[in-house]
């Protein structure tokens, strides 16, 4: 509170045109040399020349520990930002971190334009460091656009994105730094945001992040780019479903814009996985299609994902293998998120649709294993056909079937596995679905099944094909 009061009073003097912060004397400068620094506040600000932090808050040398880059962001040089703040709050004793954006921010305006270009053009790899920075900030523009809806004037969208970006940086600090979280929990550190208005010189103080309480439970200890040289092992423990899902979303966004962080896997990483065991944050049921390499799509390292793949990301066959594997992953490995991923232009669903439409009955005499697989997917195609317009094409029906099939697989897991149902009922497991778009590289996240609450209360203990083998009812 005292540090925040000093900032507010200093900004008031700056606005009123009566600063005294620059009136330093030799004795004061000498004292900083002899006794060291003890800044009352650490500030993440923009590099913009119109927003000089010490002047805005009429601060003396030694008052403010200043970190600045274009866009006051942690999307790049994140280790430098977080590490510097851990030093300032841990070693120097600063009790306040302020993330300060400003009006008419060129970086945010550029990121907004970059995001809007995604809507009409294919995402591409950055051609220079600046493009990489703007692509990293595009998620902020996306959130701002979602908040305000379509048809918003550009200046209003950029203005809101500035505010979203401030909280995004605050959330990043809370999410990826245990030392900062620990100080906040103890009441020894406050992290707040603000916006400097170029037009008036005033700082609008925004307070804490609305997500602070949620993010204080994060188990992540280093920023993503610093974690790229480490792998998840059994020593890392369990990752909560919401954090696992966030890692999937962030990894997919990096992949989609052509800015993956995953690098080479070295010997020490492989040895860690071999000696310490695995602790995947997510189990994925995906399609065998060669165009959908799951670790690449989610920019994931070995040890991150427990992957099950077959044609059509289905449980219609090899159901015991799929269910047994998932029961092992969610039980022995304690993974708390199962993600079922379909994809556009799925050959298995197109084949099933063609087989269904070419036959008067939902099944035809099978002459090979592939026929059996396609016939078993016929129930999904049949439901898709009823949901489409009467004159729907094969491609339209198949596209609808892709989504229905994702939910069909989720329902199968809930219907035929009591261990999975128990964990879902207890809140120790989430099952969600998504569709990977081959053209854009982005995953559409579908969430949970609307029928989950019903399916967790009823169901069989074993899959149909396993009943005879194990003597089930």
Protein backbone atom coordinates (compact mmCIF):
# COMPACT_ATOMS: atom_id res chain seq x y z
CA UNK A 1 0.00 0.00 0.00
CA UNK A 2 2.82 2.40 0.84
CA UNK A 3 4.57 1.69 -2.47
CA UNK A 4 1.34 2.18 -4.42
CA UNK A 5 0.73 5.45 -2.56
CA UNK A 6 4.19 6.66 -3.57
CA UNK A 7 3.44 5.87 -7.22
CA UNK A 8 0.08 7.67 -7.13
CA UNK A 9 1.54 10.75 -5.44
CA UNK A 10 4.45 10.84 -7.88
CA UNK A 11 2.16 10.59 -10.89
CA UNK A 12 0.03 13.39 -9.50
CA UNK A 13 3.08 15.65 -9.24
CA UNK A 14 4.08 14.72 -12.81
CA UNK A 15 0.61 15.62 -14.12
CA UNK A 16 0.57 18.88 -12.15
CA UNK A 17 3.97 19.87 -13.51
CA UNK A 18 5.70 20.08 -10.11
CA UNK A 19 8.17 17.17 -10.08
CA UNK A 20 11.13 16.94 -7.76
CA UNK A 21 12.39 13.42 -8.52
CA UNK A 22 15.20 14.64 -10.76
CA UNK A 23 16.69 16.87 -8.07
CA UNK A 24 19.30 14.41 -6.88
CA UNK A 25 22.40 15.38 -4.94
CA UNK A 26 25.86 13.90 -4.80
CA UNK A 27 25.29 12.56 -1.28
CA UNK A 28 22.16 10.66 -2.35
CA UNK A 29 23.92 9.14 -5.33
CA UNK A 30 26.86 8.15 -3.14
CA UNK A 31 24.51 6.51 -0.64
CA UNK A 32 23.08 4.30 -3.41
CA UNK A 33 26.60 3.18 -4.28
CA UNK A 34 27.67 2.48 -0.69
CA UNK A 35 24.46 0.96 0.67
CA UNK A 36 22.94 -0.59 -2.45
CA UNK A 37 19.42 -0.37 -3.83
CA UNK A 38 16.07 -1.06 -2.18
CA UNK A 39 13.42 -0.16 -4.79
CA UNK A 40 9.90 0.03 -3.41
CA UNK A 41 8.36 -1.09 -6.74
CA UNK A 42 9.28 -3.18 -9.76
CA UNK A 43 7.59 -2.07 -12.98
CA UNK A 44 7.15 -3.85 -16.29
CA UNK A 45 6.59 -1.04 -18.77
CA UNK A 46 6.68 -0.44 -22.49
CA UNK A 47 9.87 0.63 -24.26
CA UNK A 48 7.93 3.47 -25.94
CA UNK A 49 9.95 6.69 -25.64
CA UNK A 50 6.80 8.57 -24.64
CA UNK A 51 6.42 6.54 -21.46
CA UNK A 52 9.55 7.11 -19.29
CA UNK A 53 8.72 5.31 -16.06
CA UNK A 54 10.78 7.33 -13.59
CA UNK A 55 9.39 10.60 -14.94
CA UNK A 56 5.77 9.38 -14.99
CA UNK A 57 5.99 8.54 -11.28
CA UNK A 58 8.39 11.40 -10.41
CA UNK A 59 10.74 8.83 -8.88
CA UNK A 60 14.21 9.26 -7.47
CA UNK A 61 17.12 6.97 -8.39
CA UNK A 62 16.72 3.84 -6.29
CA UNK A 63 12.90 3.97 -6.17
CA UNK A 64 11.91 1.86 -9.19
CA UNK A 65 13.30 -1.40 -10.57
CA UNK A 66 12.38 -0.94 -14.24
CA UNK A 67 11.87 -3.63 -16.89
CA UNK A 68 10.83 -2.42 -20.35
CA UNK A 69 10.17 -3.92 -23.77
CA UNK A 70 7.81 -3.25 -26.67
CA UNK A 71 4.33 -4.08 -25.43
CA UNK A 72 5.23 -4.55 -21.71
CA UNK A 73 4.90 -8.26 -22.33
CA UNK A 74 6.22 -11.62 -21.20
CA UNK A 75 5.55 -13.39 -24.50
CA UNK A 76 9.25 -13.13 -25.37
CA UNK A 77 12.35 -12.74 -23.15
CA UNK A 78 10.03 -14.22 -20.54
CA UNK A 79 12.83 -15.81 -18.54
CA UNK A 80 14.57 -12.44 -18.32
CA UNK A 81 11.39 -10.73 -17.09
CA UNK A 82 10.37 -13.37 -14.57
CA UNK A 83 13.91 -14.00 -13.34
CA UNK A 84 14.52 -10.27 -12.89
CA UNK A 85 11.34 -9.89 -10.85
CA UNK A 86 12.20 -12.90 -8.70
CA UNK A 87 15.53 -11.20 -7.98
CA UNK A 88 13.93 -7.85 -7.21
CA UNK A 89 11.24 -9.21 -4.89
CA UNK A 90 13.43 -11.90 -3.35
CA UNK A 91 16.84 -10.25 -2.95
CA UNK A 92 15.95 -6.55 -2.94
CA UNK A 93 12.72 -6.86 -0.98
CA UNK A 94 10.35 -4.95 -3.30
CA UNK A 95 6.75 -5.41 -2.20
CA UNK A 96 4.93 -4.22 -5.31
CA UNK A 97 5.03 -5.20 -8.99
CA UNK A 98 3.19 -2.91 -11.40
CA UNK A 99 2.55 -3.90 -15.02
CA UNK A 100 2.04 -0.67 -16.93
CA UNK A 101 0.57 -0.41 -20.42
CA UNK A 102 -0.16 2.83 -22.22
CA UNK A 103 -2.62 4.27 -24.70
CA UNK A 104 -1.80 4.27 -28.43
CA UNK A 105 0.67 1.42 -27.97
CA UNK A 106 2.29 0.62 -31.31
CA UNK A 107 3.13 -2.95 -30.34
CA UNK A 108 -0.47 -3.75 -29.42
CA UNK A 109 -1.77 -2.01 -32.54
CA UNK A 110 0.61 -4.13 -34.63
CA UNK A 111 -0.43 -7.31 -32.81
CA UNK A 112 -4.09 -6.48 -33.47
CA UNK A 113 -3.38 -6.09 -37.19
CA UNK A 114 -1.45 -9.36 -37.12
CA UNK A 115 -4.38 -11.16 -35.49
CA UNK A 116 -6.83 -9.72 -38.01
CA UNK A 117 -4.64 -10.91 -40.88
CA UNK A 118 -5.07 -14.47 -39.58
CA UNK A 119 -8.75 -14.24 -40.41
CA UNK A 120 -8.10 -13.88 -44.13
CA UNK A 121 -4.61 -15.28 -44.69
CA UNK A 122 -2.82 -18.48 -43.77
CA UNK A 123 -0.67 -18.21 -40.62
CA UNK A 124 3.02 -18.19 -41.48
CA UNK A 125 6.29 -18.45 -39.65
CA UNK A 126 7.72 -15.10 -38.52
CA UNK A 127 10.21 -13.62 -40.95
CA UNK A 128 11.97 -11.58 -38.27
CA UNK A 129 12.04 -11.06 -34.51
CA UNK A 130 9.46 -8.26 -34.70
CA UNK A 131 6.96 -10.49 -36.47
CA UNK A 132 7.55 -13.13 -33.80
CA UNK A 133 6.83 -10.56 -31.08
CA UNK A 134 3.60 -9.42 -32.75
CA UNK A 135 2.47 -13.01 -33.29
CA UNK A 136 3.14 -13.71 -29.62
CA UNK A 137 0.87 -10.78 -28.71
CA UNK A 138 -1.84 -11.82 -31.17
CA UNK A 139 -3.56 -13.90 -28.47
CA UNK A 140 -4.18 -10.67 -26.54
CA UNK A 141 -5.85 -9.12 -29.59
CA UNK A 142 -7.91 -12.28 -30.03
CA UNK A 143 -9.18 -12.09 -26.45
CA UNK A 144 -9.97 -8.39 -26.83
CA UNK A 145 -11.89 -9.06 -30.04
CA UNK A 146 -13.84 -11.83 -28.34
CA UNK A 147 -14.70 -9.51 -25.43
CA UNK A 148 -16.04 -6.71 -27.64
CA UNK A 149 -17.61 -8.73 -30.47
CA UNK A 150 -17.62 -8.04 -34.22
CA UNK A 151 -17.81 -4.62 -35.84
CA UNK A 152 -15.87 -2.71 -33.18
CA UNK A 153 -13.86 0.30 -34.43
CA UNK A 154 -10.14 -0.40 -34.67
CA UNK A 155 -9.11 2.24 -32.13
CA UNK A 156 -11.54 0.87 -29.55
CA UNK A 157 -10.30 -2.68 -30.13
CA UNK A 158 -6.66 -1.64 -29.70
CA UNK A 159 -7.53 0.34 -26.57
CA UNK A 160 -9.20 -2.67 -24.98
CA UNK A 161 -6.31 -4.92 -26.06
CA UNK A 162 -3.92 -2.67 -24.09
CA UNK A 163 -5.89 -3.45 -20.93
CA UNK A 164 -6.15 -7.16 -21.75
CA UNK A 165 -2.38 -7.24 -22.27
CA UNK A 166 -1.70 -5.73 -18.85
CA UNK A 167 -3.65 -8.51 -17.15
CA UNK A 168 -2.13 -11.07 -19.49
CA UNK A 169 1.36 -10.12 -18.27
CA UNK A 170 0.22 -10.20 -14.63
CA UNK A 171 -1.33 -13.64 -15.17
CA UNK A 172 1.88 -14.86 -16.78
CA UNK A 173 3.91 -13.89 -13.73
CA UNK A 174 1.51 -15.65 -11.38
CA UNK A 175 1.26 -18.73 -13.55
CA UNK A 176 4.96 -19.36 -14.12
CA UNK A 177 6.76 -18.22 -10.94
CA UNK A 178 6.46 -20.08 -7.65
CA UNK A 179 8.65 -17.54 -5.79
CA UNK A 180 6.27 -14.73 -6.81
CA UNK A 181 3.19 -16.83 -5.97
CA UNK A 182 4.62 -17.70 -2.57
CA UNK A 183 5.20 -14.03 -1.69
CA UNK A 184 1.68 -13.11 -2.83
CA UNK A 185 0.16 -15.91 -0.73
CA UNK A 186 2.06 -14.68 2.33
CA UNK A 187 0.87 -11.11 1.79
CA UNK A 188 4.44 -9.97 1.19
CA UNK A 189 3.93 -8.97 -2.44
CA UNK A 190 1.18 -7.31 -4.46
CA UNK A 191 0.97 -7.46 -8.26
CA UNK A 192 -1.19 -4.81 -9.91
CA UNK A 193 -1.76 -3.24 -13.30
CA UNK A 194 -2.17 0.19 -14.76
CA UNK A 195 -2.50 2.16 -18.01
CA UNK A 196 -0.60 5.38 -18.67
CA UNK A 197 -2.64 7.84 -20.72
CA UNK A 198 -0.36 9.68 -23.12
CA UNK A 199 -2.96 12.38 -23.63
CA UNK A 200 -3.22 13.45 -19.98
CA UNK A 201 -0.15 12.01 -18.28
CA UNK A 202 -2.33 10.24 -15.75
CA UNK A 203 -2.00 6.61 -14.77
CA UNK A 204 -5.20 4.62 -14.48
CA UNK A 205 -4.62 2.04 -11.75
CA UNK A 206 -6.39 -1.24 -12.55
CA UNK A 207 -5.73 -3.24 -9.40
CA UNK A 208 -5.08 -6.96 -9.23
CA UNK A 209 -5.87 -9.61 -11.84
CA UNK A 210 -9.38 -11.07 -11.55
CA UNK A 211 -7.69 -14.47 -11.95
CA UNK A 212 -5.23 -14.07 -9.09
CA UNK A 213 -6.88 -16.54 -6.68
CA UNK A 214 -7.10 -19.16 -9.45
CA UNK A 215 -3.51 -18.71 -10.60
CA UNK A 216 -2.06 -18.92 -7.10
CA UNK A 217 -2.76 -22.66 -7.28
CA UNK A 218 -0.56 -23.08 -10.37
CA UNK A 219 2.12 -25.77 -10.12
CA UNK A 220 4.30 -24.39 -12.92
CA UNK A 221 7.67 -23.06 -11.82
CA UNK A 222 9.36 -21.71 -14.96
CA UNK A 223 8.20 -19.96 -18.17
CA UNK A 224 7.60 -22.14 -21.26
CA UNK A 225 10.77 -21.16 -23.09
CA UNK A 226 12.87 -22.06 -20.06
CA UNK A 227 11.05 -25.35 -19.61
CA UNK A 228 11.94 -26.42 -23.14
CA UNK A 229 15.20 -27.88 -21.86
CA UNK A 230 13.39 -30.00 -19.28
CA UNK A 231 10.87 -32.81 -19.59
CA UNK A 232 7.97 -33.81 -17.38
CA UNK A 233 8.78 -36.80 -15.19
CA UNK A 234 7.12 -38.51 -12.24
CA UNK A 235 8.88 -36.02 -9.97
CA UNK A 236 6.72 -33.23 -11.40
CA UNK A 237 3.53 -34.80 -10.06
CA UNK A 238 0.02 -34.26 -11.40
CA UNK A 239 -1.05 -31.29 -13.48
CA UNK A 240 -4.62 -30.11 -12.92
CA UNK A 241 -7.00 -30.40 -15.92
CA UNK A 242 -7.38 -26.65 -16.45
CA UNK A 243 -3.61 -26.19 -16.57
CA UNK A 244 -3.17 -29.18 -18.87
CA UNK A 245 -5.81 -27.76 -21.22
CA UNK A 246 -4.11 -24.38 -21.15
CA UNK A 247 -0.83 -26.04 -22.18
CA UNK A 248 -2.60 -27.71 -25.10
CA UNK A 249 -4.12 -24.41 -26.22
CA UNK A 250 -0.90 -22.45 -25.93
CA UNK A 251 1.11 -25.16 -27.68
CA UNK A 252 -1.37 -25.34 -30.54
CA UNK A 253 -1.32 -21.58 -30.95
CA UNK A 254 2.47 -21.63 -31.21
CA UNK A 255 2.25 -24.37 -33.83
CA UNK A 256 -0.48 -22.57 -35.80
CA UNK A 257 1.49 -19.32 -36.13
CA UNK A 258 4.71 -21.15 -36.97
CA UNK A 259 6.54 -20.22 -33.78
CA UNK A 260 7.09 -23.50 -31.89
CA UNK A 261 9.32 -23.48 -28.82
CA UNK A 262 10.18 -27.15 -28.72
CA UNK A 263 13.77 -27.74 -29.72
CA UNK A 264 16.07 -30.71 -29.73
CA UNK A 265 15.75 -33.48 -27.17
CA UNK A 266 19.14 -34.02 -25.59
CA UNK A 267 20.66 -36.95 -23.76
CA UNK A 268 19.93 -35.65 -20.26
CA UNK A 269 16.26 -35.23 -21.13
CA UNK A 270 16.03 -38.79 -22.41
CA UNK A 271 17.82 -40.09 -19.33
CA UNK A 272 15.43 -38.21 -17.05
CA UNK A 273 12.44 -39.85 -18.74
CA UNK A 274 14.07 -43.28 -18.55
CA UNK A 275 15.16 -43.07 -14.92
CA UNK A 276 12.39 -41.01 -13.33
CA UNK A 277 9.39 -42.27 -15.28
CA UNK A 278 6.60 -40.41 -17.05
CA UNK A 279 3.90 -38.02 -15.82
CA UNK A 280 1.97 -36.94 -18.96
CA UNK A 281 -0.33 -34.00 -18.36
CA UNK A 282 -2.83 -35.20 -20.99
CA UNK A 283 -3.96 -38.45 -22.58
CA UNK A 284 -5.07 -37.96 -26.19
CA UNK A 285 -7.21 -40.22 -28.36
CA UNK A 286 -6.42 -39.06 -31.89
CA UNK A 287 -6.56 -40.18 -35.50
CA UNK A 288 -3.74 -42.16 -37.12
CA UNK A 289 -3.76 -39.73 -40.07
CA UNK A 290 -0.16 -38.76 -40.91
CA UNK A 291 -1.21 -35.11 -41.26
CA UNK A 292 -2.07 -34.92 -37.55
CA UNK A 293 1.14 -35.57 -35.56
CA UNK A 294 -0.14 -34.86 -32.08
CA UNK A 295 3.09 -33.85 -30.36
CA UNK A 296 3.76 -31.41 -33.19
CA UNK A 297 0.22 -30.02 -33.25
CA UNK A 298 0.50 -29.19 -29.53
CA UNK A 299 4.21 -28.25 -29.59
CA UNK A 300 4.83 -30.86 -26.89
CA UNK A 301 7.92 -32.61 -25.58
CA UNK A 302 8.41 -36.31 -24.93
CA UNK A 303 6.74 -36.99 -21.59
CA UNK A 304 3.93 -34.44 -22.08
CA UNK A 305 1.31 -36.51 -23.92
CA UNK A 306 0.09 -40.11 -23.55
CA UNK A 307 -1.02 -40.78 -27.13
CA UNK A 308 -3.52 -43.32 -28.50
CA UNK A 309 -4.18 -43.22 -32.24
CA UNK A 310 -6.23 -45.18 -34.75
CA UNK A 311 -8.14 -44.45 -37.94
CA UNK A 312 -11.09 -42.32 -36.94
CA UNK A 313 -10.05 -41.68 -33.29
CA UNK A 314 -12.66 -44.23 -32.31
CA UNK A 315 -13.37 -46.95 -29.79
CA UNK A 316 -15.53 -49.06 -32.11
CA UNK A 317 -12.66 -51.55 -32.38
CA UNK A 318 -9.65 -52.22 -30.16
CA UNK A 319 -11.94 -50.79 -27.50
CA UNK A 320 -10.32 -52.82 -24.76
CA UNK A 321 -6.94 -51.51 -25.79
CA UNK A 322 -8.12 -47.90 -25.76
CA UNK A 323 -10.03 -48.18 -22.48
CA UNK A 324 -7.35 -50.23 -20.74
CA UNK A 325 -4.66 -47.81 -21.83
CA UNK A 326 -6.63 -44.82 -20.56
CA UNK A 327 -7.41 -46.52 -17.27
CA UNK A 328 -3.67 -47.11 -16.85
CA UNK A 329 -2.82 -43.50 -17.73
CA UNK A 330 -5.45 -41.93 -15.45
CA UNK A 331 -4.82 -44.48 -12.70
CA UNK A 332 -1.16 -45.44 -12.46
CA UNK A 333 0.13 -42.19 -14.03
CA UNK A 334 -2.63 -40.04 -12.49
CA UNK A 335 -3.21 -37.96 -15.63
CA UNK A 336 -6.25 -35.74 -15.09
CA UNK A 337 -7.22 -34.79 -18.65
CA UNK A 338 -8.37 -36.99 -21.53
CA UNK A 339 -8.69 -35.19 -24.86
CA UNK A 340 -10.42 -36.77 -27.87
CA UNK A 341 -9.26 -35.11 -31.09
CA UNK A 342 -10.88 -35.47 -34.49
CA UNK A 343 -9.82 -33.58 -37.60
CA UNK A 344 -11.23 -32.08 -40.77
CA UNK A 345 -11.23 -34.13 -43.98
CA UNK A 346 -10.94 -37.37 -42.02
CA UNK A 347 -10.52 -40.28 -44.45
CA UNK A 348 -12.06 -42.78 -42.04
CA UNK A 349 -15.23 -40.71 -41.61
CA UNK A 350 -15.44 -40.00 -45.32
CA UNK A 351 -15.10 -43.71 -46.02
CA UNK A 352 -17.76 -44.54 -43.44
CA UNK A 353 -20.07 -41.93 -44.95
CA UNK A 354 -19.56 -43.31 -48.44
CA UNK A 355 -20.18 -46.86 -47.24
CA UNK A 356 -23.33 -45.81 -45.41
CA UNK A 357 -24.78 -43.85 -48.32
CA UNK A 358 -24.01 -46.58 -50.86
CA UNK A 359 -25.94 -49.18 -48.91
CA UNK A 360 -29.65 -49.30 -48.16
CA UNK A 361 -28.76 -50.75 -44.76
CA UNK A 362 -26.42 -49.27 -42.16
CA UNK A 363 -24.08 -52.27 -42.54
CA UNK A 364 -22.86 -54.34 -45.44
CA UNK A 365 -21.22 -57.72 -45.57
CA UNK A 366 -17.64 -57.18 -44.46
CA UNK A 367 -14.87 -58.79 -46.47
CA UNK A 368 -11.94 -57.18 -44.67
CA UNK A 369 -11.14 -55.48 -41.38
CA UNK A 370 -11.47 -52.01 -42.95
CA UNK A 371 -15.07 -52.79 -43.96
CA UNK A 372 -15.87 -53.69 -40.37
CA UNK A 373 -14.34 -50.45 -39.09
CA UNK A 374 -16.30 -48.32 -41.60
CA UNK A 375 -19.55 -50.18 -40.91
CA UNK A 376 -19.20 -49.66 -37.16
CA UNK A 377 -18.86 -45.92 -37.76
CA UNK A 378 -22.17 -46.05 -39.63
CA UNK A 379 -24.20 -45.14 -36.54
CA UNK A 380 -22.30 -41.86 -36.28
CA UNK A 381 -22.83 -41.18 -39.98
CA UNK A 382 -26.54 -41.99 -39.66
CA UNK A 383 -26.93 -39.43 -36.87
CA UNK A 384 -24.93 -36.88 -38.86
CA UNK A 385 -27.18 -37.37 -41.86
CA UNK A 386 -30.31 -36.68 -39.81
CA UNK A 387 -28.78 -33.43 -38.56
CA UNK A 388 -27.87 -32.18 -42.05
CA UNK A 389 -30.15 -30.67 -44.67
CA UNK A 390 -32.00 -33.12 -46.88
CA UNK A 391 -29.79 -32.57 -49.94
CA UNK A 392 -26.52 -32.52 -48.00
CA UNK A 393 -23.44 -33.72 -49.89
CA UNK A 394 -21.19 -36.55 -48.78
CA UNK A 395 -18.56 -34.02 -47.64
CA UNK A 396 -21.12 -32.09 -45.59
CA UNK A 397 -22.34 -35.23 -43.85
CA UNK A 398 -18.80 -36.43 -43.22
CA UNK A 399 -17.82 -33.05 -41.74
CA UNK A 400 -20.74 -33.26 -39.35
CA UNK A 401 -19.83 -36.84 -38.51
CA UNK A 402 -16.32 -35.75 -37.47
CA UNK A 403 -17.75 -33.71 -34.61
CA UNK A 404 -20.32 -36.31 -33.61
CA UNK A 405 -17.63 -38.98 -33.62
CA UNK A 406 -15.55 -37.01 -31.12
CA UNK A 407 -18.48 -36.97 -28.72
CA UNK A 408 -19.29 -40.59 -29.53
CA UNK A 409 -15.81 -41.62 -28.38
CA UNK A 410 -16.11 -39.51 -25.23
CA UNK A 411 -19.46 -41.17 -24.49
CA UNK A 412 -17.95 -44.61 -25.02
CA UNK A 413 -15.26 -43.93 -22.40
CA UNK A 414 -17.85 -42.81 -19.88
CA UNK A 415 -20.29 -45.60 -20.70
CA UNK A 416 -17.90 -48.54 -20.45
CA UNK A 417 -15.26 -47.67 -17.85
CA UNK A 418 -16.16 -47.49 -14.18
CA UNK A 419 -12.63 -46.36 -13.15
CA UNK A 420 -12.92 -43.41 -15.54
CA UNK A 421 -16.47 -42.62 -14.35
CA UNK A 422 -15.36 -42.68 -10.72
CA UNK A 423 -12.59 -40.19 -11.35
CA UNK A 424 -14.91 -37.88 -13.32
CA UNK A 425 -17.50 -38.02 -10.52
CA UNK A 426 -14.80 -37.23 -7.96
CA UNK A 427 -13.57 -34.23 -9.97
CA UNK A 428 -10.17 -35.86 -10.51
CA UNK A 429 -10.52 -36.29 -14.27
CA UNK A 430 -11.93 -34.27 -17.16
CA UNK A 431 -12.79 -35.57 -20.63
CA UNK A 432 -12.96 -33.00 -23.40
CA UNK A 433 -12.97 -32.98 -27.18
CA UNK A 434 -11.70 -30.99 -30.12
CA UNK A 435 -11.33 -30.85 -33.91
CA UNK A 436 -8.03 -30.10 -35.62
CA UNK A 437 -8.38 -28.03 -38.78
CA UNK A 438 -5.88 -29.32 -41.34
CA UNK A 439 -5.89 -26.04 -43.25
CA UNK A 440 -5.36 -23.53 -40.43
CA UNK A 441 -3.44 -25.75 -38.01
CA UNK A 442 -5.72 -24.67 -35.19
CA UNK A 443 -7.71 -26.87 -32.85
CA UNK A 444 -11.35 -26.05 -32.15
CA UNK A 445 -11.84 -26.92 -28.49
CA UNK A 446 -15.31 -28.40 -27.97
CA UNK A 447 -15.30 -28.83 -24.20
CA UNK A 448 -17.07 -31.58 -22.29
CA UNK A 449 -19.98 -33.71 -23.50
CA UNK A 450 -23.40 -32.21 -22.70
CA UNK A 451 -24.42 -35.73 -21.65
CA UNK A 452 -21.56 -36.25 -19.18
CA UNK A 453 -23.60 -35.78 -16.00
CA UNK A 454 -25.99 -38.52 -17.12
CA UNK A 455 -23.36 -40.96 -18.34
CA UNK A 456 -21.30 -40.86 -15.14
CA UNK A 457 -24.30 -42.20 -13.21
CA UNK A 458 -25.04 -45.14 -15.47
CA UNK A 459 -23.01 -47.50 -17.59
CA UNK A 460 -21.40 -50.88 -17.92
CA UNK A 461 -18.19 -52.04 -16.25
CA UNK A 462 -16.62 -53.40 -19.44
CA UNK A 463 -16.69 -52.77 -23.18
CA UNK A 464 -18.92 -55.07 -25.29
CA UNK A 465 -16.05 -56.96 -26.93
CA UNK A 466 -14.48 -57.69 -23.52
CA UNK A 467 -17.54 -59.18 -21.82
CA UNK A 468 -17.10 -62.68 -23.20
CA UNK A 469 -13.33 -62.65 -22.72
CA UNK A 470 -13.42 -61.78 -19.03
CA UNK A 471 -16.75 -63.33 -18.18
CA UNK A 472 -18.52 -60.07 -17.50
CA UNK A 473 -22.34 -59.76 -17.32
